C-alpha cells in the first residue's frame, strides 16, 4: 500500500494500555482525541513529546492514543519537537511536556483574559528548565518547539513557538492557526522572499523556541485569533508531518473517514519517506 517505505512491522503501543477507564463522561459534549508519535524510518530515536489533556508522554517507542475526553470547560493539547540540530533534543521536549503538566491546572483555570499570559509563564518555566538541563549537560544550547491548543467551551485558542504547527480543518478547508518561527518564514513575512520554499537553507533555522532565552528576558508565545471548533477538526503536529505532506494532502486525509485520524496522517508521512519523527494530535467533537 505504501510502496518502498511501507508501514513498520512494529505495532503502535497504546498509552492507555492497562487502564480501566479509557473515557470520561461529560454531559453536554465530549471531544474525540487521537494521537500518534512515530520515530519514522531515518531517525534512531524519537525527540518528539506530546500532551493530550492530562496524558503527557515522551515516547520511547511508536505509540497511539484514542480517547474521548470530557469533564472540563477547557482542554489542553500540545506537541513539542526536540530540536535535532541542538543537543539533547529528546530531553528538551520531555521537559517542555513535563512543565506543561505541572502548570496545566493554572492554564485550565485562568480567565480567558489571562490565558495568553499564563501560557507565556509556562513557556518561561519550560525554557528555564531546558536551559538548566543544557548547563548541567555542558552541551551549549538545547531546545524544543511548542505547538499548543486550548479548547474552551468549543472555542480553539492556538499558541506556538518554532515550526510545529496547529491547523483548523472544516468543510474541506485547512487553515494554519500557528505561525512558523523560522528564518525563511520571517523573510517571507518581511517581504524578502516571495514564497516559502521547503528546500531553502533557512527553512529549518528556528529564530525562537523553548530554550532560546538563556538570559531569562521572557518569551512571548505566538497566539492566533480564536476559532469555533464546531464540526471541524484541530490538528497539532511536528514538522515530521508537514515536511512530508502538503497542506492539500493533509486536508484530504482529514476529509476522509478514519477510525484514528492521527494514525492515518502518520501513515501518510511514512508512505512519503518518514525522514523525521512524526507526531500528530487530532481533536474533534464527539
C-alpha atoms as a PDB file:
ATOM      1  CA  UNK A   1       0.000   0.000   0.000  1.00  0.00           C
ATOM      2  CA  UNK A   2       2.836   2.373   0.853  1.00  0.00           C
ATOM      3  CA  UNK A   3       5.416   1.310  -1.742  1.00  0.00           C
ATOM      4  CA  UNK A   4       9.039   1.039  -0.694  1.00  0.00           C
ATOM      5  CA  UNK A   5       8.690   2.618   2.723  1.00  0.00           C
ATOM      6  CA  UNK A   6       5.596   0.750   3.923  1.00  0.00           C
ATOM      7  CA  UNK A   7       4.221   0.624   7.460  1.00  0.00           C
ATOM      8  CA  UNK A   8       6.601  -0.597  10.149  1.00  0.00           C
ATOM      9  CA  UNK A   9       6.112  -4.138  11.357  1.00  0.00           C
ATOM     10  CA  UNK A  10       6.141  -2.993  14.988  1.00  0.00           C
ATOM     11  CA  UNK A  11       2.600  -2.107  16.064  1.00  0.00           C
ATOM     12  CA  UNK A  12       1.761   1.098  17.838  1.00  0.00           C
ATOM     13  CA  UNK A  13       1.572   0.747  21.599  1.00  0.00           C
ATOM     14  CA  UNK A  14      -1.492   2.289  23.227  1.00  0.00           C
ATOM     15  CA  UNK A  15      -0.522   4.663  26.014  1.00  0.00           C
ATOM     16  CA  UNK A  16      -3.832   3.704  27.676  1.00  0.00           C
ATOM     17  CA  UNK A  17      -2.918   0.007  27.833  1.00  0.00           C
ATOM     18  CA  UNK A  18      -3.713  -1.426  31.249  1.00  0.00           C
ATOM     19  CA  UNK A  19      -6.013   1.394  32.326  1.00  0.00           C
ATOM     20  CA  UNK A  20      -9.579   0.563  33.232  1.00  0.00           C
ATOM     21  CA  UNK A  21     -11.165   3.847  32.210  1.00  0.00           C
ATOM     22  CA  UNK A  22     -10.380   4.952  28.664  1.00  0.00           C
ATOM     23  CA  UNK A  23     -13.015   7.695  28.519  1.00  0.00           C
ATOM     24  CA  UNK A  24     -14.557  10.368  30.675  1.00  0.00           C
ATOM     25  CA  UNK A  25     -18.278  11.011  30.595  1.00  0.00           C
ATOM     26  CA  UNK A  26     -19.268  14.627  30.152  1.00  0.00           C
ATOM     27  CA  UNK A  27     -22.885  15.532  29.667  1.00  0.00           C
ATOM     28  CA  UNK A  28     -23.087  18.288  27.114  1.00  0.00           C
ATOM     29  CA  UNK A  29     -20.264  17.474  24.768  1.00  0.00           C
ATOM     30  CA  UNK A  30     -17.114  15.369  24.705  1.00  0.00           C
ATOM     31  CA  UNK A  31     -14.089  15.603  22.462  1.00  0.00           C
ATOM     32  CA  UNK A  32     -12.635  12.807  20.373  1.00  0.00           C
ATOM     33  CA  UNK A  33      -8.860  12.766  20.592  1.00  0.00           C
ATOM     34  CA  UNK A  34      -6.439  10.687  18.555  1.00  0.00           C
ATOM     35  CA  UNK A  35      -2.663  10.957  18.803  1.00  0.00           C
ATOM     36  CA  UNK A  36       0.309   9.139  17.312  1.00  0.00           C
ATOM     37  CA  UNK A  37       4.056   9.503  17.698  1.00  0.00           C
ATOM     38  CA  UNK A  38       6.292   7.573  15.297  1.00  0.00           C
ATOM     39  CA  UNK A  39      10.086   7.581  15.100  1.00  0.00           C
ATOM     40  CA  UNK A  40       9.989   7.384  11.286  1.00  0.00           C
ATOM     41  CA  UNK A  41      12.389   5.493   9.057  1.00  0.00           C
ATOM     42  CA  UNK A  42      15.580   7.531   9.397  1.00  0.00           C
ATOM     43  CA  UNK A  43      15.939   8.786  12.972  1.00  0.00           C
ATOM     44  CA  UNK A  44      17.334   6.429  15.611  1.00  0.00           C
ATOM     45  CA  UNK A  45      15.295   7.948  18.433  1.00  0.00           C
ATOM     46  CA  UNK A  46      12.141   9.947  18.996  1.00  0.00           C
ATOM     47  CA  UNK A  47      12.731  13.573  20.001  1.00  0.00           C
ATOM     48  CA  UNK A  48       9.001  14.449  19.957  1.00  0.00           C
ATOM     49  CA  UNK A  49       6.760  14.577  23.025  1.00  0.00           C
ATOM     50  CA  UNK A  50       3.074  15.367  23.366  1.00  0.00           C
ATOM     51  CA  UNK A  51       0.459  16.325  25.926  1.00  0.00           C
ATOM     52  CA  UNK A  52      -3.139  15.255  25.436  1.00  0.00           C
ATOM     53  CA  UNK A  53      -5.290  16.731  28.201  1.00  0.00           C
ATOM     54  CA  UNK A  54      -3.625  15.020  31.124  1.00  0.00           C
ATOM     55  CA  UNK A  55      -1.613  12.458  29.217  1.00  0.00           C
ATOM     56  CA  UNK A  56       1.918  13.779  28.869  1.00  0.00           C
ATOM     57  CA  UNK A  57       4.337  11.446  27.172  1.00  0.00           C
ATOM     58  CA  UNK A  58       7.908  11.296  25.949  1.00  0.00           C
ATOM     59  CA  UNK A  59       7.538   8.316  23.598  1.00  0.00           C
ATOM     60  CA  UNK A  60      10.169   5.594  23.870  1.00  0.00           C
ATOM     61  CA  UNK A  61       8.556   3.692  21.017  1.00  0.00           C
ATOM     62  CA  UNK A  62       5.807   4.175  18.457  1.00  0.00           C
ATOM     63  CA  UNK A  63       2.654   4.938  20.406  1.00  0.00           C
ATOM     64  CA  UNK A  64      -1.001   5.649  19.804  1.00  0.00           C
ATOM     65  CA  UNK A  65      -3.802   7.292  21.763  1.00  0.00           C
ATOM     66  CA  UNK A  66      -7.523   7.169  21.049  1.00  0.00           C
ATOM     67  CA  UNK A  67      -9.726   8.666  23.725  1.00  0.00           C
ATOM     68  CA  UNK A  68     -12.947  10.503  24.453  1.00  0.00           C
ATOM     69  CA  UNK A  69     -12.362  13.284  26.973  1.00  0.00           C
ATOM     70  CA  UNK A  70     -14.803  15.338  28.973  1.00  0.00           C
ATOM     71  CA  UNK A  71     -15.424  16.937  32.324  1.00  0.00           C
ATOM     72  CA  UNK A  72     -13.672  20.276  31.807  1.00  0.00           C
ATOM     73  CA  UNK A  73     -14.611  23.614  30.349  1.00  0.00           C
ATOM     74  CA  UNK A  74     -11.070  23.906  28.963  1.00  0.00           C
ATOM     75  CA  UNK A  75      -8.816  21.251  27.443  1.00  0.00           C
ATOM     76  CA  UNK A  76      -5.081  21.440  26.759  1.00  0.00           C
ATOM     77  CA  UNK A  77      -3.164  19.721  23.956  1.00  0.00           C
ATOM     78  CA  UNK A  78       0.415  20.201  22.764  1.00  0.00           C
ATOM     79  CA  UNK A  79       3.165  18.778  20.581  1.00  0.00           C
ATOM     80  CA  UNK A  80       6.806  19.525  21.407  1.00  0.00           C
ATOM     81  CA  UNK A  81       9.605  18.651  18.988  1.00  0.00           C
ATOM     82  CA  UNK A  82      13.118  18.485  20.408  1.00  0.00           C
ATOM     83  CA  UNK A  83      15.496  20.211  18.068  1.00  0.00           C
ATOM     84  CA  UNK A  84      17.650  17.686  16.236  1.00  0.00           C
ATOM     85  CA  UNK A  85      20.226  20.345  15.456  1.00  0.00           C
ATOM     86  CA  UNK A  86      20.745  21.038  19.134  1.00  0.00           C
ATOM     87  CA  UNK A  87      21.993  18.705  21.862  1.00  0.00           C
ATOM     88  CA  UNK A  88      19.632  16.545  23.938  1.00  0.00           C
ATOM     89  CA  UNK A  89      16.521  17.419  21.948  1.00  0.00           C
ATOM     90  CA  UNK A  90      14.695  14.428  23.405  1.00  0.00           C
ATOM     91  CA  UNK A  91      15.239  15.763  26.934  1.00  0.00           C
ATOM     92  CA  UNK A  92      14.192  19.265  25.902  1.00  0.00           C
ATOM     93  CA  UNK A  93      10.810  18.119  24.571  1.00  0.00           C
ATOM     94  CA  UNK A  94      10.320  15.958  27.657  1.00  0.00           C
ATOM     95  CA  UNK A  95      10.963  18.974  29.901  1.00  0.00           C
ATOM     96  CA  UNK A  96       8.512  21.020  27.809  1.00  0.00           C
ATOM     97  CA  UNK A  97       5.713  18.467  28.276  1.00  0.00           C
ATOM     98  CA  UNK A  98       6.514  17.818  31.943  1.00  0.00           C
ATOM     99  CA  UNK A  99       6.424  21.563  32.637  1.00  0.00           C
ATOM    100  CA  UNK A 100       3.058  21.806  30.895  1.00  0.00           C
ATOM    101  CA  UNK A 101       1.670  19.023  33.054  1.00  0.00           C
ATOM    102  CA  UNK A 102       2.816  20.841  36.195  1.00  0.00           C
ATOM    103  CA  UNK A 103       1.162  24.090  35.088  1.00  0.00           C
ATOM    104  CA  UNK A 104      -1.924  22.624  33.451  1.00  0.00           C
ATOM    105  CA  UNK A 105      -4.218  23.450  36.384  1.00  0.00           C
ATOM    106  CA  UNK A 106      -3.290  27.135  36.160  1.00  0.00           C
ATOM    107  CA  UNK A 107      -3.756  27.212  32.386  1.00  0.00           C
ATOM    108  CA  UNK A 108      -7.032  25.328  32.696  1.00  0.00           C
ATOM    109  CA  UNK A 109      -8.497  27.603  35.366  1.00  0.00           C
ATOM    110  CA  UNK A 110      -7.208  31.079  34.481  1.00  0.00           C
ATOM    111  CA  UNK A 111      -9.654  33.525  32.912  1.00  0.00           C
ATOM    112  CA  UNK A 112      -9.678  33.825  29.128  1.00  0.00           C
ATOM    113  CA  UNK A 113      -8.268  37.314  29.551  1.00  0.00           C
ATOM    114  CA  UNK A 114      -5.272  35.862  31.378  1.00  0.00           C
ATOM    115  CA  UNK A 115      -4.819  32.755  29.193  1.00  0.00           C
ATOM    116  CA  UNK A 116      -2.056  34.128  26.955  1.00  0.00           C
ATOM    117  CA  UNK A 117      -0.152  35.407  29.990  1.00  0.00           C
ATOM    118  CA  UNK A 118      -0.444  32.004  31.677  1.00  0.00           C
ATOM    119  CA  UNK A 119       0.895  30.295  28.535  1.00  0.00           C
ATOM    120  CA  UNK A 120       3.810  32.759  28.468  1.00  0.00           C
ATOM    121  CA  UNK A 121       4.540  31.953  32.127  1.00  0.00           C
ATOM    122  CA  UNK A 122       4.542  28.247  31.281  1.00  0.00           C
ATOM    123  CA  UNK A 123       6.885  28.873  28.331  1.00  0.00           C
ATOM    124  CA  UNK A 124       9.282  30.781  30.595  1.00  0.00           C
ATOM    125  CA  UNK A 125       9.288  27.892  33.088  1.00  0.00           C
ATOM    126  CA  UNK A 126       9.887  25.300  30.357  1.00  0.00           C
ATOM    127  CA  UNK A 127      12.582  27.488  28.815  1.00  0.00           C
ATOM    128  CA  UNK A 128      14.346  27.800  32.174  1.00  0.00           C
ATOM    129  CA  UNK A 129      14.194  24.041  32.697  1.00  0.00           C
ATOM    130  CA  UNK A 130      15.714  23.368  29.291  1.00  0.00           C
ATOM    131  CA  UNK A 131      18.466  25.936  29.892  1.00  0.00           C
ATOM    132  CA  UNK A 132      19.288  24.317  33.250  1.00  0.00           C
ATOM    133  CA  UNK A 133      19.467  20.909  31.591  1.00  0.00           C
ATOM    134  CA  UNK A 134      21.798  22.248  28.889  1.00  0.00           C
ATOM    135  CA  UNK A 135      24.034  23.792  31.531  1.00  0.00           C
ATOM    136  CA  UNK A 136      24.132  20.552  33.519  1.00  0.00           C
ATOM    137  CA  UNK A 137      24.927  18.538  30.395  1.00  0.00           C
ATOM    138  CA  UNK A 138      27.502  21.153  29.330  1.00  0.00           C
ATOM    139  CA  UNK A 139      26.080  20.890  25.817  1.00  0.00           C
ATOM    140  CA  UNK A 140      25.793  24.556  24.892  1.00  0.00           C
ATOM    141  CA  UNK A 141      22.199  25.046  23.783  1.00  0.00           C
ATOM    142  CA  UNK A 142      19.218  22.728  23.631  1.00  0.00           C
ATOM    143  CA  UNK A 143      15.651  23.446  22.612  1.00  0.00           C
ATOM    144  CA  UNK A 144      12.143  22.352  21.744  1.00  0.00           C
ATOM    145  CA  UNK A 145       9.294  23.704  19.687  1.00  0.00           C
ATOM    146  CA  UNK A 146       5.830  24.211  21.153  1.00  0.00           C
ATOM    147  CA  UNK A 147       2.506  23.882  19.346  1.00  0.00           C
ATOM    148  CA  UNK A 148      -0.455  24.107  21.699  1.00  0.00           C
ATOM    149  CA  UNK A 149      -4.228  24.328  21.556  1.00  0.00           C
ATOM    150  CA  UNK A 150      -6.582  25.168  24.405  1.00  0.00           C
ATOM    151  CA  UNK A 151     -10.216  24.386  23.651  1.00  0.00           C
ATOM    152  CA  UNK A 152     -12.515  26.369  25.911  1.00  0.00           C
ATOM    153  CA  UNK A 153     -16.259  25.695  25.658  1.00  0.00           C
ATOM    154  CA  UNK A 154     -15.907  24.899  21.976  1.00  0.00           C
ATOM    155  CA  UNK A 155     -13.532  27.756  21.090  1.00  0.00           C
ATOM    156  CA  UNK A 156      -9.977  26.983  19.970  1.00  0.00           C
ATOM    157  CA  UNK A 157      -7.066  29.117  21.204  1.00  0.00           C
ATOM    158  CA  UNK A 158      -3.775  28.201  19.488  1.00  0.00           C
ATOM    159  CA  UNK A 159      -0.252  29.083  20.625  1.00  0.00           C
ATOM    160  CA  UNK A 160       3.185  28.231  19.296  1.00  0.00           C
ATOM    161  CA  UNK A 161       6.934  28.763  19.225  1.00  0.00           C
ATOM    162  CA  UNK A 162       9.058  27.245  16.468  1.00  0.00           C
ATOM    163  CA  UNK A 163       7.831  25.293  13.450  1.00  0.00           C
ATOM    164  CA  UNK A 164       5.473  22.717  14.929  1.00  0.00           C
ATOM    165  CA  UNK A 165       2.003  23.671  13.753  1.00  0.00           C
ATOM    166  CA  UNK A 166      -1.665  23.983  14.708  1.00  0.00           C
ATOM    167  CA  UNK A 167      -4.272  23.685  11.946  1.00  0.00           C
ATOM    168  CA  UNK A 168      -8.053  24.011  11.796  1.00  0.00           C
ATOM    169  CA  UNK A 169      -9.934  21.885   9.261  1.00  0.00           C
ATOM    170  CA  UNK A 170     -13.571  22.361   8.322  1.00  0.00           C
ATOM    171  CA  UNK A 171     -15.625  21.904   5.188  1.00  0.00           C
ATOM    172  CA  UNK A 172     -12.646  20.780   3.149  1.00  0.00           C
ATOM    173  CA  UNK A 173     -10.563  23.857   4.056  1.00  0.00           C
ATOM    174  CA  UNK A 174      -7.337  23.600   6.055  1.00  0.00           C
ATOM    175  CA  UNK A 175      -6.277  26.784   7.860  1.00  0.00           C
ATOM    176  CA  UNK A 176      -2.964  27.177   9.645  1.00  0.00           C
ATOM    177  CA  UNK A 177      -3.522  28.839  13.020  1.00  0.00           C
ATOM    178  CA  UNK A 178       0.117  28.845  14.106  1.00  0.00           C
ATOM    179  CA  UNK A 179       2.971  30.943  12.764  1.00  0.00           C
ATOM    180  CA  UNK A 180       6.285  29.351  11.774  1.00  0.00           C
ATOM    181  CA  UNK A 181       9.245  30.888  13.567  1.00  0.00           C
ATOM    182  CA  UNK A 182      11.949  30.039  11.042  1.00  0.00           C
ATOM    183  CA  UNK A 183      14.333  32.381   9.278  1.00  0.00           C
ATOM    184  CA  UNK A 184      12.673  31.579   5.942  1.00  0.00           C
ATOM    185  CA  UNK A 185       9.201  32.324   7.313  1.00  0.00           C
ATOM    186  CA  UNK A 186      10.407  35.604   8.810  1.00  0.00           C
ATOM    187  CA  UNK A 187      11.943  36.614   5.483  1.00  0.00           C
ATOM    188  CA  UNK A 188       8.621  35.797   3.841  1.00  0.00           C
ATOM    189  CA  UNK A 189       6.743  37.995   6.324  1.00  0.00           C
ATOM    190  CA  UNK A 190       9.274  40.790   5.790  1.00  0.00           C
ATOM    191  CA  UNK A 191       8.882  40.589   2.021  1.00  0.00           C
ATOM    192  CA  UNK A 192      12.422  39.333   1.420  1.00  0.00           C
ATOM    193  CA  UNK A 193      11.014  36.123  -0.081  1.00  0.00           C
ATOM    194  CA  UNK A 194       8.076  35.873  -2.469  1.00  0.00           C
ATOM    195  CA  UNK A 195       7.187  32.355  -1.369  1.00  0.00           C
ATOM    196  CA  UNK A 196       8.234  29.972   1.345  1.00  0.00           C
ATOM    197  CA  UNK A 197      10.416  27.235  -0.169  1.00  0.00           C
ATOM    198  CA  UNK A 198      10.785  23.985   1.763  1.00  0.00           C
ATOM    199  CA  UNK A 199      14.228  23.350   0.304  1.00  0.00           C
ATOM    200  CA  UNK A 200      15.521  26.763   1.414  1.00  0.00           C
ATOM    201  CA  UNK A 201      18.600  26.607   3.620  1.00  0.00           C
ATOM    202  CA  UNK A 202      16.683  28.815   6.091  1.00  0.00           C
ATOM    203  CA  UNK A 203      13.574  26.610   6.200  1.00  0.00           C
ATOM    204  CA  UNK A 204      14.559  24.913   9.458  1.00  0.00           C
ATOM    205  CA  UNK A 205      16.575  27.655  11.116  1.00  0.00           C
ATOM    206  CA  UNK A 206      14.430  28.479  14.135  1.00  0.00           C
ATOM    207  CA  UNK A 207      14.508  32.046  15.406  1.00  0.00           C
ATOM    208  CA  UNK A 208      12.618  31.308  18.626  1.00  0.00           C
ATOM    209  CA  UNK A 209      11.860  28.180  20.638  1.00  0.00           C
ATOM    210  CA  UNK A 210      11.799  26.867  24.197  1.00  0.00           C
ATOM    211  CA  UNK A 211      15.413  27.055  25.367  1.00  0.00           C
ATOM    212  CA  UNK A 212      16.447  30.109  23.340  1.00  0.00           C
ATOM    213  CA  UNK A 213      16.029  32.593  26.200  1.00  0.00           C
ATOM    214  CA  UNK A 214      19.140  31.788  28.238  1.00  0.00           C
ATOM    215  CA  UNK A 215      19.195  35.348  29.607  1.00  0.00           C
ATOM    216  CA  UNK A 216      15.665  34.944  31.089  1.00  0.00           C
ATOM    217  CA  UNK A 217      14.330  38.029  29.324  1.00  0.00           C
ATOM    218  CA  UNK A 218      10.961  36.340  28.844  1.00  0.00           C
ATOM    219  CA  UNK A 219       9.285  34.610  25.920  1.00  0.00           C
ATOM    220  CA  UNK A 220       6.156  35.771  24.119  1.00  0.00           C
ATOM    221  CA  UNK A 221       4.347  32.796  22.638  1.00  0.00           C
ATOM    222  CA  UNK A 222       2.522  33.482  19.375  1.00  0.00           C
ATOM    223  CA  UNK A 223      -1.275  33.462  19.867  1.00  0.00           C
ATOM    224  CA  UNK A 224      -3.665  33.105  16.930  1.00  0.00           C
ATOM    225  CA  UNK A 225      -7.145  34.527  16.657  1.00  0.00           C
ATOM    226  CA  UNK A 226      -9.607  32.086  18.286  1.00  0.00           C
ATOM    227  CA  UNK A 227     -11.907  29.971  16.112  1.00  0.00           C
ATOM    228  CA  UNK A 228     -15.034  27.975  16.891  1.00  0.00           C
ATOM    229  CA  UNK A 229     -14.456  24.228  16.760  1.00  0.00           C
ATOM    230  CA  UNK A 230     -17.977  23.467  15.503  1.00  0.00           C
ATOM    231  CA  UNK A 231     -17.934  20.375  13.298  1.00  0.00           C
ATOM    232  CA  UNK A 232     -14.295  20.943  12.382  1.00  0.00           C
ATOM    233  CA  UNK A 233     -11.053  19.310  13.487  1.00  0.00           C
ATOM    234  CA  UNK A 234      -7.929  20.665  15.161  1.00  0.00           C
ATOM    235  CA  UNK A 235      -4.577  19.198  14.126  1.00  0.00           C
ATOM    236  CA  UNK A 236      -1.389  19.737  16.133  1.00  0.00           C
ATOM    237  CA  UNK A 237       1.742  18.252  14.597  1.00  0.00           C
ATOM    238  CA  UNK A 238       5.514  18.249  14.400  1.00  0.00           C
ATOM    239  CA  UNK A 239       7.310  19.053  11.162  1.00  0.00           C
ATOM    240  CA  UNK A 240       7.759  15.334  10.579  1.00  0.00           C
ATOM    241  CA  UNK A 241       4.261  15.540   9.074  1.00  0.00           C
ATOM    242  CA  UNK A 242       4.418  18.899   7.309  1.00  0.00           C
ATOM    243  CA  UNK A 243       7.830  18.261   5.737  1.00  0.00           C
ATOM    244  CA  UNK A 244       6.487  15.060   4.164  1.00  0.00           C
ATOM    245  CA  UNK A 245       2.929  16.120   3.310  1.00  0.00           C
ATOM    246  CA  UNK A 246       1.498  19.203   1.660  1.00  0.00           C
ATOM    247  CA  UNK A 247      -1.478  21.047   3.137  1.00  0.00           C
ATOM    248  CA  UNK A 248      -3.622  19.570   0.353  1.00  0.00           C
ATOM    249  CA  UNK A 249      -2.564  16.027   1.285  1.00  0.00           C
ATOM    250  CA  UNK A 250      -3.253  16.673   4.961  1.00  0.00           C
ATOM    251  CA  UNK A 251      -6.691  18.109   4.142  1.00  0.00           C
ATOM    252  CA  UNK A 252      -7.521  15.056   2.028  1.00  0.00           C
ATOM    253  CA  UNK A 253      -6.804  12.703   4.933  1.00  0.00           C
ATOM    254  CA  UNK A 254      -8.848  14.820   7.352  1.00  0.00           C
ATOM    255  CA  UNK A 255     -11.765  14.878   4.893  1.00  0.00           C
ATOM    256  CA  UNK A 256     -11.861  11.082   4.715  1.00  0.00           C
ATOM    257  CA  UNK A 257     -13.350   8.710   7.283  1.00  0.00           C
ATOM    258  CA  UNK A 258     -10.799   7.144   9.628  1.00  0.00           C
ATOM    259  CA  UNK A 259     -11.020   5.367  12.954  1.00  0.00           C
ATOM    260  CA  UNK A 260      -7.868   7.200  14.083  1.00  0.00           C
ATOM    261  CA  UNK A 261      -7.090  10.366  12.125  1.00  0.00           C
ATOM    262  CA  UNK A 262      -3.684  10.883  13.738  1.00  0.00           C
ATOM    263  CA  UNK A 263      -2.598   7.394  12.728  1.00  0.00           C
ATOM    264  CA  UNK A 264      -3.834   7.965   9.171  1.00  0.00           C
ATOM    265  CA  UNK A 265      -1.778  11.161   8.940  1.00  0.00           C
ATOM    266  CA  UNK A 266       1.334   9.461  10.321  1.00  0.00           C
ATOM    267  CA  UNK A 267       0.948   6.649   7.810  1.00  0.00           C
ATOM    268  CA  UNK A 268       0.749   9.234   5.030  1.00  0.00           C
ATOM    269  CA  UNK A 269       4.016  10.801   6.204  1.00  0.00           C
ATOM    270  CA  UNK A 270       5.636   7.361   6.396  1.00  0.00           C
ATOM    271  CA  UNK A 271       4.451   6.495   2.909  1.00  0.00           C
ATOM    272  CA  UNK A 272       6.315   9.529   1.595  1.00  0.00           C
ATOM    273  CA  UNK A 273       9.598   8.785   3.324  1.00  0.00           C
ATOM    274  CA  UNK A 274       9.264   9.310   7.089  1.00  0.00           C
ATOM    275  CA  UNK A 275      12.528  11.256   7.229  1.00  0.00           C
ATOM    276  CA  UNK A 276      11.807  12.616  10.701  1.00  0.00           C
ATOM    277  CA  UNK A 277       9.855  11.733  13.825  1.00  0.00           C
ATOM    278  CA  UNK A 278       6.170  12.409  13.195  1.00  0.00           C
ATOM    279  CA  UNK A 279       3.719  13.288  15.964  1.00  0.00           C
ATOM    280  CA  UNK A 280       0.081  14.266  15.426  1.00  0.00           C
ATOM    281  CA  UNK A 281      -2.896  15.052  17.625  1.00  0.00           C
ATOM    282  CA  UNK A 282      -6.354  15.419  16.051  1.00  0.00           C
ATOM    283  CA  UNK A 283      -9.296  16.742  18.084  1.00  0.00           C
ATOM    284  CA  UNK A 284     -12.964  16.989  17.138  1.00  0.00           C
ATOM    285  CA  UNK A 285     -16.327  16.981  18.853  1.00  0.00           C
ATOM    286  CA  UNK A 286     -17.648  13.526  19.705  1.00  0.00           C
END
